[in-house]
Protein backbone atom coordinates (compact mmCIF):
# COMPACT_ATOMS: atom_id res chain seq x y z
CA MET A 1 -66.01 -62.41 -23.72
CA SER A 2 -64.83 -59.89 -26.31
CA THR A 3 -65.39 -60.37 -30.04
CA TYR A 4 -61.66 -60.94 -30.50
CA ALA A 5 -61.56 -63.53 -27.71
CA ARG A 6 -64.46 -65.45 -29.28
CA GLN A 7 -62.75 -65.36 -32.68
CA ALA A 8 -59.43 -66.49 -31.17
CA ALA A 9 -61.08 -69.36 -29.31
CA ALA A 10 -62.63 -70.55 -32.57
CA ASN A 11 -59.29 -70.51 -34.42
CA VAL A 12 -57.00 -72.51 -32.16
CA THR A 13 -55.52 -75.75 -33.50
CA LEU A 14 -53.89 -78.23 -31.13
CA PRO A 15 -51.78 -80.70 -33.14
CA SER A 16 -50.25 -83.73 -31.44
CA SER A 17 -47.22 -84.10 -33.74
CA LEU A 18 -44.77 -81.97 -35.68
CA ASP A 19 -46.24 -83.15 -38.96
CA GLU A 20 -49.72 -82.07 -37.88
CA ALA A 21 -48.37 -78.69 -36.75
CA VAL A 22 -46.68 -78.11 -40.11
CA GLU A 23 -49.89 -79.08 -41.91
CA ALA A 24 -51.87 -76.65 -39.77
CA LEU A 25 -49.46 -73.81 -40.49
CA ALA A 26 -49.52 -74.60 -44.20
CA ALA A 27 -53.32 -74.53 -44.17
CA MET A 28 -53.43 -71.26 -42.20
CA PRO A 29 -50.50 -69.07 -43.32
CA SER A 30 -51.56 -66.28 -40.94
CA ALA A 31 -51.60 -68.56 -37.88
CA VAL A 32 -49.08 -68.00 -35.10
CA PRO A 33 -47.45 -70.96 -33.27
CA VAL A 34 -47.62 -70.72 -29.48
CA ALA A 35 -45.92 -72.81 -26.79
CA GLY A 36 -45.45 -71.10 -23.41
CA GLY A 37 -46.91 -67.82 -24.67
CA THR A 38 -44.92 -65.65 -22.25
CA ASP A 39 -43.96 -63.18 -24.99
CA LEU A 40 -46.87 -63.71 -27.38
CA MET A 41 -49.59 -63.18 -24.78
CA ALA A 42 -47.85 -60.08 -23.48
CA ALA A 43 -48.00 -58.67 -27.02
CA VAL A 44 -51.67 -59.67 -27.34
CA ASN A 45 -52.60 -58.14 -23.99
CA SER A 46 -50.87 -54.88 -24.86
CA GLY A 47 -52.63 -54.66 -28.22
CA LEU A 48 -49.48 -55.06 -30.30
CA LEU A 49 -50.56 -58.36 -31.86
CA ARG A 50 -53.90 -59.78 -32.99
CA PRO A 51 -53.21 -63.21 -34.51
CA ALA A 52 -55.92 -64.50 -36.83
CA ALA A 53 -55.34 -68.05 -35.55
CA LEU A 54 -53.12 -69.95 -33.14
CA VAL A 55 -51.38 -73.31 -33.46
CA GLY A 56 -50.76 -74.63 -29.95
CA LEU A 57 -47.62 -76.73 -29.56
CA GLY A 58 -48.16 -77.95 -26.00
CA ARG A 59 -49.32 -81.45 -27.01
CA ILE A 60 -46.28 -82.25 -29.18
CA SER A 61 -44.24 -84.47 -26.88
CA GLU A 62 -41.34 -84.93 -29.34
CA ILE A 63 -40.20 -81.32 -28.89
CA ARG A 64 -40.39 -81.29 -25.09
CA GLY A 65 -37.27 -83.36 -24.41
CA TRP A 66 -33.83 -83.98 -25.85
CA HIS A 67 -31.71 -86.78 -27.26
CA TYR A 68 -28.22 -87.36 -28.61
CA ALA A 69 -27.35 -87.41 -32.31
CA ASP A 70 -23.91 -87.45 -33.98
CA GLY A 71 -21.98 -86.01 -31.04
CA ALA A 72 -24.54 -83.30 -30.35
CA ALA A 73 -27.53 -82.74 -28.11
CA LEU A 74 -30.76 -82.26 -30.05
CA LEU A 75 -32.96 -80.12 -27.82
CA GLY A 76 -36.69 -79.87 -28.45
CA ALA A 77 -37.93 -76.33 -29.03
CA GLY A 78 -40.61 -76.95 -26.40
CA LEU A 79 -38.12 -77.41 -23.56
CA THR A 80 -39.03 -75.03 -20.75
CA HIS A 81 -36.55 -72.90 -18.86
CA ALA A 82 -37.49 -74.77 -15.68
CA ARG A 83 -36.61 -78.11 -17.27
CA MET A 84 -33.30 -76.81 -18.60
CA GLY A 85 -32.40 -75.50 -15.18
CA ARG A 86 -32.44 -78.94 -13.53
CA PRO A 87 -29.17 -80.64 -12.45
CA ASP A 88 -29.24 -83.37 -15.11
CA PHE A 89 -29.46 -80.79 -17.88
CA ALA A 90 -26.87 -78.59 -16.18
CA ALA A 91 -24.41 -81.48 -16.33
CA LEU A 92 -24.96 -81.57 -20.10
CA ILE A 93 -24.87 -77.87 -21.04
CA PRO A 94 -23.99 -75.80 -17.95
CA ALA A 95 -24.12 -72.36 -19.55
CA LEU A 96 -27.58 -72.90 -21.02
CA ALA A 97 -28.82 -74.23 -17.68
CA ALA A 98 -27.48 -71.12 -15.93
CA ALA A 99 -29.24 -68.90 -18.48
CA ALA A 100 -32.49 -70.83 -18.02
CA ARG A 101 -32.35 -70.45 -14.23
CA SER A 102 -31.97 -66.68 -14.59
CA ALA A 103 -34.77 -66.26 -17.17
CA GLY A 104 -37.26 -64.83 -14.69
CA PRO A 105 -39.57 -65.77 -11.82
CA PRO A 106 -40.91 -69.35 -11.52
CA GLN A 107 -44.09 -68.69 -13.51
CA ILE A 108 -42.02 -67.52 -16.48
CA ARG A 109 -39.50 -70.37 -16.23
CA ASN A 110 -42.28 -72.95 -16.01
CA ALA A 111 -43.99 -71.69 -19.18
CA GLY A 112 -41.32 -70.09 -21.36
CA THR A 113 -39.53 -72.30 -23.88
CA LEU A 114 -36.20 -72.46 -25.64
CA GLY A 115 -37.86 -72.19 -29.05
CA GLY A 116 -39.87 -69.17 -27.97
CA ASN A 117 -36.71 -67.45 -26.77
CA ILE A 118 -35.15 -67.93 -30.20
CA VAL A 119 -38.14 -67.08 -32.39
CA THR A 120 -39.10 -64.01 -30.37
CA ALA A 121 -35.44 -62.96 -30.64
CA ALA A 122 -35.73 -60.27 -27.97
CA PRO A 123 -32.31 -58.66 -27.40
CA THR A 124 -32.55 -59.59 -23.70
CA GLY A 125 -33.24 -63.29 -24.38
CA ASP A 126 -30.96 -65.12 -21.93
CA ALA A 127 -30.46 -68.24 -24.07
CA LEU A 128 -29.35 -66.33 -27.16
CA PRO A 129 -25.73 -65.42 -26.23
CA VAL A 130 -25.21 -68.98 -24.94
CA LEU A 131 -26.38 -70.45 -28.24
CA ALA A 132 -24.13 -68.03 -30.11
CA ALA A 133 -21.06 -68.94 -28.03
CA LEU A 134 -21.79 -72.66 -28.42
CA GLU A 135 -22.28 -72.15 -32.19
CA ALA A 136 -25.61 -73.95 -32.06
CA GLY A 137 -27.79 -74.79 -35.03
CA VAL A 138 -31.55 -74.98 -35.46
CA VAL A 139 -33.65 -77.60 -37.22
CA LEU A 140 -36.70 -76.16 -38.97
CA ALA A 141 -39.64 -78.36 -39.96
CA GLY A 142 -41.63 -77.21 -42.97
CA PRO A 143 -43.88 -78.29 -45.83
CA GLU A 144 -40.83 -79.14 -47.95
CA GLY A 145 -39.09 -81.12 -45.22
CA ASP A 146 -36.53 -80.30 -42.55
CA ARG A 147 -33.60 -77.96 -42.99
CA GLU A 148 -30.81 -76.94 -40.63
CA LEU A 149 -28.94 -73.67 -40.30
CA PRO A 150 -26.81 -71.83 -37.71
CA VAL A 151 -28.87 -70.12 -35.06
CA SER A 152 -27.07 -66.86 -35.90
CA HIS A 153 -28.55 -66.95 -39.42
CA LEU A 154 -32.04 -67.12 -37.97
CA LEU A 155 -31.48 -64.39 -35.37
CA THR A 156 -29.94 -61.92 -37.82
CA GLY A 157 -32.50 -62.54 -40.55
CA LEU A 158 -29.86 -63.89 -42.91
CA ASP A 159 -32.05 -66.99 -43.38
CA PRO A 160 -35.45 -66.39 -41.73
CA LEU A 161 -38.33 -68.77 -41.19
CA ARG A 162 -40.21 -69.50 -44.39
CA PRO A 163 -44.01 -69.69 -44.66
CA GLY A 164 -45.30 -72.79 -42.91
CA GLU A 165 -41.99 -73.51 -41.14
CA LEU A 166 -41.67 -74.27 -37.45
CA LEU A 167 -38.64 -74.30 -35.18
CA ALA A 168 -38.45 -77.92 -34.06
CA PHE A 169 -35.03 -78.58 -32.51
CA VAL A 170 -31.81 -76.89 -31.46
CA ARG A 171 -28.58 -78.77 -32.14
CA ILE A 172 -25.74 -78.08 -29.67
CA PRO A 173 -22.32 -79.74 -29.99
CA LEU A 174 -21.38 -81.66 -26.85
CA LEU A 175 -18.06 -79.99 -26.09
CA HIS A 176 -17.24 -81.21 -22.57
CA ALA A 177 -15.58 -77.80 -22.27
CA PRO A 178 -15.70 -75.14 -19.53
CA GLN A 179 -18.55 -72.72 -20.17
CA THR A 180 -20.16 -69.92 -18.20
CA PHE A 181 -23.07 -67.50 -18.38
CA LEU A 182 -23.33 -64.28 -16.40
CA LYS A 183 -25.81 -61.42 -16.59
CA ALA A 184 -26.45 -58.06 -15.00
CA THR A 185 -29.96 -56.76 -14.28
CA GLY A 186 -31.36 -53.48 -13.15
CA ARG A 187 -32.57 -54.93 -9.85
CA THR A 188 -31.89 -57.69 -7.35
CA GLY A 189 -33.17 -61.13 -8.31
CA PRO A 190 -34.42 -62.45 -11.65
CA GLY A 191 -35.03 -59.77 -14.25
CA ARG A 192 -34.31 -58.67 -17.79
CA ALA A 193 -30.64 -58.39 -18.56
CA THR A 194 -29.00 -55.04 -19.05
CA ALA A 195 -26.00 -57.05 -20.32
CA SER A 196 -25.09 -60.73 -20.42
CA VAL A 197 -22.03 -62.73 -21.40
CA ALA A 198 -21.66 -66.38 -22.40
CA LEU A 199 -18.16 -67.80 -22.70
CA VAL A 200 -16.79 -71.18 -23.79
CA VAL A 201 -13.18 -72.38 -23.46
CA ASP A 202 -12.80 -75.12 -26.08
CA PRO A 203 -9.51 -77.04 -25.63
CA ALA A 204 -10.19 -79.38 -28.56
CA ARG A 205 -10.25 -76.46 -31.01
CA ARG A 206 -8.00 -74.24 -28.89
CA GLN A 207 -10.61 -71.51 -28.98
CA VAL A 208 -12.25 -69.08 -26.63
CA ARG A 209 -15.73 -68.12 -27.80
CA CYS A 210 -17.61 -65.24 -26.24
CA ALA A 211 -21.02 -63.75 -26.97
CA VAL A 212 -22.48 -60.61 -25.44
CA GLY A 213 -26.25 -60.22 -25.15
CA ALA A 214 -28.72 -57.39 -24.44
CA VAL A 215 -26.46 -54.57 -25.70
CA ALA A 216 -27.52 -54.90 -29.36
CA PRO A 217 -30.46 -56.36 -31.32
CA VAL A 218 -28.59 -59.69 -31.62
CA PRO A 219 -25.76 -61.31 -29.61
CA LEU A 220 -22.33 -59.95 -30.51
CA ARG A 221 -19.20 -62.08 -30.99
CA PRO A 222 -15.98 -60.07 -30.33
CA LEU A 223 -13.90 -62.24 -32.66
CA GLU A 224 -10.64 -60.31 -32.36
CA ALA A 225 -10.81 -60.44 -28.56
CA GLU A 226 -11.47 -64.18 -28.72
CA GLN A 227 -8.45 -64.79 -30.95
CA TRP A 228 -6.23 -62.55 -28.84
CA VAL A 229 -6.94 -64.26 -25.53
CA ALA A 230 -6.80 -67.75 -27.07
CA GLY A 231 -3.24 -66.93 -28.15
CA LEU A 232 -2.27 -66.25 -24.52
CA ILE A 233 -3.48 -69.58 -23.14
CA ASP A 234 -1.06 -72.48 -22.69
CA TRP A 235 -3.36 -75.14 -24.12
CA ASP A 236 -0.90 -77.94 -23.34
CA GLY A 237 -0.38 -76.80 -19.74
CA GLU A 238 -2.61 -75.54 -16.94
CA ARG A 239 -4.67 -73.24 -19.19
CA SER A 240 -4.48 -70.38 -16.71
CA LEU A 241 -4.10 -66.63 -17.20
CA ALA A 242 -2.86 -63.82 -15.02
CA PRO A 243 -5.60 -61.55 -13.60
CA GLU A 244 -4.24 -58.70 -15.72
CA ALA A 245 -4.88 -60.70 -18.89
CA CYS A 246 -8.47 -61.41 -17.86
CA THR A 247 -8.99 -57.72 -17.14
CA ALA A 248 -7.55 -56.76 -20.52
CA PHE A 249 -9.81 -59.31 -22.21
CA GLY A 250 -12.87 -57.80 -20.52
CA GLU A 251 -11.95 -54.32 -21.70
CA TYR A 252 -11.24 -55.64 -25.21
CA VAL A 253 -14.69 -57.28 -25.38
CA ALA A 254 -16.46 -54.19 -24.01
CA ALA A 255 -14.73 -51.84 -26.45
CA ALA A 256 -15.60 -54.13 -29.36
CA CYS A 257 -19.28 -54.35 -28.40
CA ILE A 258 -19.72 -50.71 -27.38
CA PRO A 259 -17.19 -48.89 -29.57
CA ASP A 260 -16.12 -45.28 -29.42
CA GLN A 261 -17.65 -42.91 -31.94
CA PRO A 262 -15.12 -40.67 -33.71
CA GLY A 263 -15.42 -37.13 -32.42
CA VAL A 264 -18.32 -37.99 -30.10
CA GLU A 265 -18.06 -38.61 -26.37
CA LEU A 266 -19.87 -41.68 -25.14
CA PRO A 267 -22.91 -40.82 -23.01
CA PRO A 268 -22.73 -41.83 -19.34
CA ALA A 269 -25.18 -44.70 -19.84
CA ALA A 270 -22.97 -46.20 -22.57
CA VAL A 271 -19.87 -45.77 -20.41
CA GLN A 272 -21.58 -47.62 -17.55
CA LEU A 273 -22.77 -50.35 -19.91
CA ARG A 274 -19.22 -50.78 -21.21
CA ARG A 275 -17.96 -51.18 -17.64
CA THR A 276 -20.63 -53.80 -16.99
CA VAL A 277 -19.71 -55.80 -20.10
CA ALA A 278 -16.03 -55.60 -19.19
CA ALA A 279 -16.68 -56.89 -15.68
CA LEU A 280 -18.92 -59.73 -16.86
CA SER A 281 -16.43 -60.80 -19.55
CA ARG A 282 -13.52 -60.74 -17.10
CA ARG A 283 -15.40 -62.80 -14.54
CA ALA A 284 -16.71 -65.26 -17.13
CA LEU A 285 -13.21 -65.95 -18.45
CA GLY A 286 -11.79 -66.31 -14.94
CA ARG A 287 -14.50 -68.79 -13.94
CA ALA A 288 -14.12 -70.84 -17.13
CA LEU A 289 -10.38 -71.14 -16.61
CA ALA A 290 -10.58 -71.85 -12.87
C-alpha cells in the first residue's frame, strides 16, 4: 500500500445522517464528499486530485430515495443513475430517467449519483441539461442550516457551495408535461455526449423549454428559440407543428448555441456540431409534441 493510500484510509469518515456529514465537513474543511466516486476516483487515479480526507455518503439513507413536497419531487443526491432509470421513476420524470439510462455502462450507472453529476459539473453530464430544462432547484445542507437555489446558479458559479455545505436534495416541479432527452455520442452504445438536448413542453405555462448540453461548460438555454416556437403552438388545440417548423426550431437552437463569428468561418468540427444540435433539437420537439 502506498503512503497516500495509507493516509487516505486513515482519513475516511462514514456518517450515517446528513447532520453527521455536515459536522464532519465542518470539522475537516479540506475533506471531499464521495458517493459513487466515478468521477472523483478517476481524478485520484490520474493524479489530478489528492484529497486530504474523504467523507463517504453511502450510509446516508435519506438521500438515496425521493419523496413529494409542495407539488415537487424531492430527489436525494445519492440516487444512482440505475435507480433513476427504472420504470417507476421514468413515469415520474421521463427525461431524467432517459438521461440516467444513457449515462454509461452498467458499472457506472450502478455507482454514479445525481448529486455527483451536479457537483462535478462536467460539461458532458447527462442529467444537467434535463435539470436546466425542468428549472430544477437544489437544497444544500450546511453548518448554518439548509438553503435552496436554482441548479443553474450552482452550475455557473453564481452561488457556489460554501465551506462545509453538502448537496442534499434536488427539487423538480412535477409538471405532468411532455419531456424528452436525446444525446449524440462518438460511438455506438453508451458513451460521453458530443451533444445532448433536453426539451419540455409545458402546457400549463404555455412554454417550451430547451437546454443543450456538452457544447459549452454549462447547459445552454436558447431563450429566443423557446419563445419563438411557443408562439407557433396552438395551446388550446392539438399542440402540433408542421415538420418545417420543427426543422426551423432545430436550426434556431443550433445557431444560438454555436453562433457564427463575425468575419471568421466556422471550422468543420463546429459546423458538424451545429448540425448535430439542430437534428437533436428537431427530433426532441417532434417527440414531445407527438
